[in-house]
């Protein structure tokens, strides 16, 4: 009889302890969900940010006319290219390091890498060679058109920089990250 009573008390204590643990974790999860606060540490924040990879926030579509001439005393080669290009800019979040993130309560401070042009290319379906001239004594230069295309890409990237693509990408990138961290439960997001 005594063994049965000890067994019942032990079983009751185990059940009560298990129930208390379950209620504690359930209440913590419910409070965490209700407040929108998630417990973050620097490593988890850096991992989440890096998973965004390249945060491309701006895309410019630009047109450029490129004339490339190769003139020799015995004739010329000339290409006239109407180029339409795409230039994208954003923030490479893979470059973010743990020391670039600081968390204090519900405030997060980030030191972002500088914005950069992430991609620049010609839209081949919208770009075309308008004129290709080869002099009488010259052989066709197959590299001239390729050089004109590369010059167009370089000129379009430079034009996008002068038009303010990097500043616009920085502004939009910060707005996206602000929204991301507000949804993650941070009350204040600061950028250095």
C-alpha atoms as a PDB file:
ATOM      1  CA  UNK A   1       0.000   0.000   0.000  1.00  0.00           C
ATOM      2  CA  UNK A   2       2.762   2.376   0.877  1.00  0.00           C
ATOM      3  CA  UNK A   3       4.524   1.685  -2.460  1.00  0.00           C
ATOM      4  CA  UNK A   4       1.305   2.398  -4.309  1.00  0.00           C
ATOM      5  CA  UNK A   5       0.909   5.732  -2.535  1.00  0.00           C
ATOM      6  CA  UNK A   6       4.550   6.734  -3.320  1.00  0.00           C
ATOM      7  CA  UNK A   7       4.028   5.709  -6.929  1.00  0.00           C
ATOM      8  CA  UNK A   8       0.857   7.846  -7.179  1.00  0.00           C
ATOM      9  CA  UNK A   9       2.609  10.855  -5.605  1.00  0.00           C
ATOM     10  CA  UNK A  10       5.582  10.462  -7.946  1.00  0.00           C
ATOM     11  CA  UNK A  11       3.304  10.108 -10.963  1.00  0.00           C
ATOM     12  CA  UNK A  12       1.289  13.157  -9.904  1.00  0.00           C
ATOM     13  CA  UNK A  13       4.470  15.227  -9.419  1.00  0.00           C
ATOM     14  CA  UNK A  14       5.757  14.238 -12.875  1.00  0.00           C
ATOM     15  CA  UNK A  15       2.416  15.102 -14.517  1.00  0.00           C
ATOM     16  CA  UNK A  16       2.221  18.469 -12.707  1.00  0.00           C
ATOM     17  CA  UNK A  17       5.844  19.293 -13.648  1.00  0.00           C
ATOM     18  CA  UNK A  18       5.200  18.321 -17.292  1.00  0.00           C
ATOM     19  CA  UNK A  19       2.023  20.409 -17.380  1.00  0.00           C
ATOM     20  CA  UNK A  20       3.838  23.392 -15.833  1.00  0.00           C
ATOM     21  CA  UNK A  21       6.607  23.179 -18.452  1.00  0.00           C
ATOM     22  CA  UNK A  22       4.075  22.887 -21.263  1.00  0.00           C
ATOM     23  CA  UNK A  23       2.084  25.902 -20.014  1.00  0.00           C
ATOM     24  CA  UNK A  24       5.260  27.959 -19.533  1.00  0.00           C
ATOM     25  CA  UNK A  25       6.464  27.378 -23.105  1.00  0.00           C
ATOM     26  CA  UNK A  26       2.970  27.824 -24.539  1.00  0.00           C
ATOM     27  CA  UNK A  27       2.509  31.123 -22.708  1.00  0.00           C
ATOM     28  CA  UNK A  28       5.950  32.345 -23.812  1.00  0.00           C
ATOM     29  CA  UNK A  29       5.201  31.397 -27.435  1.00  0.00           C
ATOM     30  CA  UNK A  30       1.775  33.069 -27.263  1.00  0.00           C
ATOM     31  CA  UNK A  31       3.214  36.259 -25.724  1.00  0.00           C
ATOM     32  CA  UNK A  32       6.040  36.294 -28.266  1.00  0.00           C
ATOM     33  CA  UNK A  33       3.563  35.885 -31.127  1.00  0.00           C
ATOM     34  CA  UNK A  34       1.120  38.442 -29.717  1.00  0.00           C
ATOM     35  CA  UNK A  35       3.783  41.116 -29.207  1.00  0.00           C
ATOM     36  CA  UNK A  36       5.444  40.440 -32.553  1.00  0.00           C
ATOM     37  CA  UNK A  37       8.788  40.210 -30.762  1.00  0.00           C
ATOM     38  CA  UNK A  38      11.137  37.451 -31.727  1.00  0.00           C
ATOM     39  CA  UNK A  39      14.308  36.827 -29.786  1.00  0.00           C
ATOM     40  CA  UNK A  40      17.222  37.624 -32.080  1.00  0.00           C
ATOM     41  CA  UNK A  41      20.935  37.446 -31.692  1.00  0.00           C
ATOM     42  CA  UNK A  42      23.542  38.927 -34.012  1.00  0.00           C
ATOM     43  CA  UNK A  43      24.373  35.620 -35.690  1.00  0.00           C
ATOM     44  CA  UNK A  44      20.749  34.835 -36.531  1.00  0.00           C
ATOM     45  CA  UNK A  45      20.174  38.365 -37.860  1.00  0.00           C
ATOM     46  CA  UNK A  46      23.263  38.208 -40.082  1.00  0.00           C
ATOM     47  CA  UNK A  47      22.157  34.799 -41.358  1.00  0.00           C
ATOM     48  CA  UNK A  48      18.648  36.083 -42.152  1.00  0.00           C
ATOM     49  CA  UNK A  49      19.993  39.186 -43.901  1.00  0.00           C
ATOM     50  CA  UNK A  50      22.555  37.239 -45.918  1.00  0.00           C
ATOM     51  CA  UNK A  51      19.805  34.902 -47.093  1.00  0.00           C
ATOM     52  CA  UNK A  52      18.383  37.916 -48.940  1.00  0.00           C
ATOM     53  CA  UNK A  53      21.655  37.872 -50.949  1.00  0.00           C
ATOM     54  CA  UNK A  54      21.704  40.745 -53.434  1.00  0.00           C
ATOM     55  CA  UNK A  55      18.996  43.205 -52.491  1.00  0.00           C
ATOM     56  CA  UNK A  56      18.408  44.677 -55.952  1.00  0.00           C
ATOM     57  CA  UNK A  57      16.110  47.636 -55.535  1.00  0.00           C
ATOM     58  CA  UNK A  58      16.472  49.719 -58.710  1.00  0.00           C
ATOM     59  CA  UNK A  59      16.437  48.847 -62.403  1.00  0.00           C
ATOM     60  CA  UNK A  60      17.086  51.425 -65.119  1.00  0.00           C
ATOM     61  CA  UNK A  61      16.412  50.808 -68.810  1.00  0.00           C
ATOM     62  CA  UNK A  62      18.548  53.131 -70.938  1.00  0.00           C
ATOM     63  CA  UNK A  63      19.212  53.722 -74.634  1.00  0.00           C
ATOM     64  CA  UNK A  64      22.493  54.647 -76.229  1.00  0.00           C
ATOM     65  CA  UNK A  65      23.762  55.131 -79.771  1.00  0.00           C
ATOM     66  CA  UNK A  66      27.314  53.876 -80.162  1.00  0.00           C
ATOM     67  CA  UNK A  67      29.501  54.640 -83.149  1.00  0.00           C
ATOM     68  CA  UNK A  68      32.773  52.753 -83.257  1.00  0.00           C
ATOM     69  CA  UNK A  69      35.261  53.360 -86.049  1.00  0.00           C
ATOM     70  CA  UNK A  70      38.542  51.713 -86.882  1.00  0.00           C
ATOM     71  CA  UNK A  71      40.163  53.950 -89.496  1.00  0.00           C
ATOM     72  CA  UNK A  72      43.391  52.960 -91.214  1.00  0.00           C
ATOM     73  CA  UNK A  73      45.118  54.630 -94.193  1.00  0.00           C
ATOM     74  CA  UNK A  74      43.801  51.872 -96.466  1.00  0.00           C
ATOM     75  CA  UNK A  75      40.140  51.985 -95.346  1.00  0.00           C
ATOM     76  CA  UNK A  76      37.808  51.952 -92.398  1.00  0.00           C
ATOM     77  CA  UNK A  77      35.508  49.679 -90.447  1.00  0.00           C
ATOM     78  CA  UNK A  78      32.552  51.296 -88.738  1.00  0.00           C
ATOM     79  CA  UNK A  79      29.663  50.067 -86.593  1.00  0.00           C
ATOM     80  CA  UNK A  80      26.591  52.102 -85.652  1.00  0.00           C
ATOM     81  CA  UNK A  81      24.763  50.375 -82.785  1.00  0.00           C
ATOM     82  CA  UNK A  82      21.441  51.350 -81.237  1.00  0.00           C
ATOM     83  CA  UNK A  83      21.743  49.796 -77.797  1.00  0.00           C
ATOM     84  CA  UNK A  84      19.094  49.345 -75.145  1.00  0.00           C
ATOM     85  CA  UNK A  85      20.518  48.242 -71.834  1.00  0.00           C
ATOM     86  CA  UNK A  86      19.417  47.325 -68.358  1.00  0.00           C
ATOM     87  CA  UNK A  87      21.328  48.480 -65.289  1.00  0.00           C
ATOM     88  CA  UNK A  88      20.439  47.145 -61.829  1.00  0.00           C
ATOM     89  CA  UNK A  89      21.700  48.398 -58.486  1.00  0.00           C
ATOM     90  CA  UNK A  90      21.373  47.267 -54.906  1.00  0.00           C
ATOM     91  CA  UNK A  91      23.149  46.132 -51.766  1.00  0.00           C
ATOM     92  CA  UNK A  92      25.227  42.949 -51.573  1.00  0.00           C
ATOM     93  CA  UNK A  93      24.025  41.656 -48.208  1.00  0.00           C
ATOM     94  CA  UNK A  94      26.421  38.700 -48.314  1.00  0.00           C
ATOM     95  CA  UNK A  95      29.154  41.214 -47.421  1.00  0.00           C
ATOM     96  CA  UNK A  96      27.470  41.951 -44.072  1.00  0.00           C
ATOM     97  CA  UNK A  97      29.488  40.702 -41.077  1.00  0.00           C
ATOM     98  CA  UNK A  98      28.421  40.090 -37.463  1.00  0.00           C
ATOM     99  CA  UNK A  99      30.315  43.207 -36.350  1.00  0.00           C
ATOM    100  CA  UNK A 100      28.104  45.249 -38.708  1.00  0.00           C
ATOM    101  CA  UNK A 101      24.991  44.372 -36.662  1.00  0.00           C
ATOM    102  CA  UNK A 102      24.208  45.537 -33.140  1.00  0.00           C
ATOM    103  CA  UNK A 103      21.075  44.565 -31.200  1.00  0.00           C
ATOM    104  CA  UNK A 104      19.898  46.223 -28.004  1.00  0.00           C
ATOM    105  CA  UNK A 105      16.453  45.119 -26.866  1.00  0.00           C
ATOM    106  CA  UNK A 106      14.051  45.950 -29.673  1.00  0.00           C
ATOM    107  CA  UNK A 107      16.564  48.225 -31.450  1.00  0.00           C
ATOM    108  CA  UNK A 108      18.806  47.027 -34.255  1.00  0.00           C
ATOM    109  CA  UNK A 109      21.679  49.051 -35.720  1.00  0.00           C
ATOM    110  CA  UNK A 110      23.175  48.106 -39.091  1.00  0.00           C
ATOM    111  CA  UNK A 111      26.290  49.220 -40.912  1.00  0.00           C
ATOM    112  CA  UNK A 112      25.349  48.412 -44.516  1.00  0.00           C
ATOM    113  CA  UNK A 113      27.840  47.755 -47.297  1.00  0.00           C
ATOM    114  CA  UNK A 114      27.798  50.461 -49.978  1.00  0.00           C
ATOM    115  CA  UNK A 115      25.304  50.156 -52.807  1.00  0.00           C
ATOM    116  CA  UNK A 116      26.690  48.986 -56.096  1.00  0.00           C
ATOM    117  CA  UNK A 117      25.679  48.215 -59.632  1.00  0.00           C
ATOM    118  CA  UNK A 118      24.822  44.527 -59.497  1.00  0.00           C
ATOM    119  CA  UNK A 119      24.214  43.944 -63.199  1.00  0.00           C
ATOM    120  CA  UNK A 120      24.501  45.795 -66.512  1.00  0.00           C
ATOM    121  CA  UNK A 121      23.710  44.184 -69.845  1.00  0.00           C
ATOM    122  CA  UNK A 122      22.266  44.845 -73.273  1.00  0.00           C
ATOM    123  CA  UNK A 123      18.767  43.737 -74.163  1.00  0.00           C
ATOM    124  CA  UNK A 124      19.624  41.885 -77.377  1.00  0.00           C
ATOM    125  CA  UNK A 125      16.011  41.852 -78.561  1.00  0.00           C
ATOM    126  CA  UNK A 126      15.855  45.673 -78.393  1.00  0.00           C
ATOM    127  CA  UNK A 127      19.434  46.420 -79.532  1.00  0.00           C
ATOM    128  CA  UNK A 128      20.439  46.410 -83.173  1.00  0.00           C
ATOM    129  CA  UNK A 129      23.257  47.283 -85.514  1.00  0.00           C
ATOM    130  CA  UNK A 130      21.964  50.130 -87.686  1.00  0.00           C
ATOM    131  CA  UNK A 131      24.991  50.325 -89.950  1.00  0.00           C
ATOM    132  CA  UNK A 132      28.120  48.268 -90.494  1.00  0.00           C
ATOM    133  CA  UNK A 133      30.573  49.638 -93.014  1.00  0.00           C
ATOM    134  CA  UNK A 134      33.722  47.950 -94.244  1.00  0.00           C
ATOM    135  CA  UNK A 135      36.189  49.786 -96.463  1.00  0.00           C
ATOM    136  CA  UNK A 136      37.099  48.492 -99.894  1.00  0.00           C
ATOM    137  CA  UNK A 137      40.587  47.308 -98.928  1.00  0.00           C
ATOM    138  CA  UNK A 138      39.641  46.171 -95.391  1.00  0.00           C
ATOM    139  CA  UNK A 139      38.558  42.761 -94.168  1.00  0.00           C
ATOM    140  CA  UNK A 140      35.423  42.501 -92.033  1.00  0.00           C
ATOM    141  CA  UNK A 141      36.352  42.999 -88.359  1.00  0.00           C
ATOM    142  CA  UNK A 142      34.171  40.612 -86.373  1.00  0.00           C
ATOM    143  CA  UNK A 143      35.374  42.010 -83.040  1.00  0.00           C
ATOM    144  CA  UNK A 144      34.274  45.572 -83.814  1.00  0.00           C
ATOM    145  CA  UNK A 145      30.589  44.906 -83.063  1.00  0.00           C
ATOM    146  CA  UNK A 146      31.482  43.042 -79.860  1.00  0.00           C
ATOM    147  CA  UNK A 147      33.651  45.980 -78.773  1.00  0.00           C
ATOM    148  CA  UNK A 148      30.798  48.394 -79.568  1.00  0.00           C
ATOM    149  CA  UNK A 149      28.435  46.310 -77.417  1.00  0.00           C
ATOM    150  CA  UNK A 150      30.876  46.273 -74.494  1.00  0.00           C
ATOM    151  CA  UNK A 151      31.403  50.035 -74.842  1.00  0.00           C
ATOM    152  CA  UNK A 152      27.611  50.483 -74.764  1.00  0.00           C
ATOM    153  CA  UNK A 153      27.314  48.472 -71.535  1.00  0.00           C
ATOM    154  CA  UNK A 154      30.102  50.508 -69.914  1.00  0.00           C
ATOM    155  CA  UNK A 155      28.544  53.804 -71.079  1.00  0.00           C
ATOM    156  CA  UNK A 156      25.076  52.786 -69.838  1.00  0.00           C
ATOM    157  CA  UNK A 157      26.441  51.835 -66.401  1.00  0.00           C
ATOM    158  CA  UNK A 158      28.269  55.162 -66.210  1.00  0.00           C
ATOM    159  CA  UNK A 159      25.127  57.054 -67.285  1.00  0.00           C
ATOM    160  CA  UNK A 160      23.084  55.245 -64.626  1.00  0.00           C
ATOM    161  CA  UNK A 161      25.627  56.249 -61.972  1.00  0.00           C
ATOM    162  CA  UNK A 162      25.411  59.895 -63.074  1.00  0.00           C
ATOM    163  CA  UNK A 163      21.594  59.689 -63.054  1.00  0.00           C
ATOM    164  CA  UNK A 164      21.665  58.682 -59.362  1.00  0.00           C
ATOM    165  CA  UNK A 165      20.982  54.937 -59.477  1.00  0.00           C
ATOM    166  CA  UNK A 166      23.246  54.243 -56.466  1.00  0.00           C
ATOM    167  CA  UNK A 167      21.555  56.841 -54.256  1.00  0.00           C
ATOM    168  CA  UNK A 168      18.114  55.595 -55.247  1.00  0.00           C
ATOM    169  CA  UNK A 169      19.149  51.975 -54.596  1.00  0.00           C
ATOM    170  CA  UNK A 170      20.482  52.930 -51.148  1.00  0.00           C
ATOM    171  CA  UNK A 171      17.261  54.744 -50.254  1.00  0.00           C
ATOM    172  CA  UNK A 172      15.033  51.895 -51.422  1.00  0.00           C
ATOM    173  CA  UNK A 173      17.277  49.244 -49.860  1.00  0.00           C
ATOM    174  CA  UNK A 174      17.078  50.926 -46.467  1.00  0.00           C
ATOM    175  CA  UNK A 175      13.290  51.175 -46.793  1.00  0.00           C
ATOM    176  CA  UNK A 176      13.059  47.448 -47.614  1.00  0.00           C
ATOM    177  CA  UNK A 177      15.280  46.498 -44.676  1.00  0.00           C
ATOM    178  CA  UNK A 178      13.328  48.819 -42.363  1.00  0.00           C
ATOM    179  CA  UNK A 179      10.111  47.065 -43.352  1.00  0.00           C
ATOM    180  CA  UNK A 180      11.758  43.627 -42.976  1.00  0.00           C
ATOM    181  CA  UNK A 181      12.984  44.329 -39.434  1.00  0.00           C
ATOM    182  CA  UNK A 182       9.725  45.994 -38.337  1.00  0.00           C
ATOM    183  CA  UNK A 183       7.893  42.801 -39.385  1.00  0.00           C
ATOM    184  CA  UNK A 184      10.497  40.813 -37.444  1.00  0.00           C
ATOM    185  CA  UNK A 185       9.487  42.660 -34.269  1.00  0.00           C
ATOM    186  CA  UNK A 186      12.096  45.399 -33.924  1.00  0.00           C
ATOM    187  CA  UNK A 187      10.726  48.761 -32.805  1.00  0.00           C
ATOM    188  CA  UNK A 188      13.694  50.831 -34.003  1.00  0.00           C
ATOM    189  CA  UNK A 189      15.976  50.249 -36.988  1.00  0.00           C
ATOM    190  CA  UNK A 190      19.047  52.462 -37.315  1.00  0.00           C
ATOM    191  CA  UNK A 191      21.550  52.646 -40.164  1.00  0.00           C
ATOM    192  CA  UNK A 192      25.151  53.831 -39.763  1.00  0.00           C
END
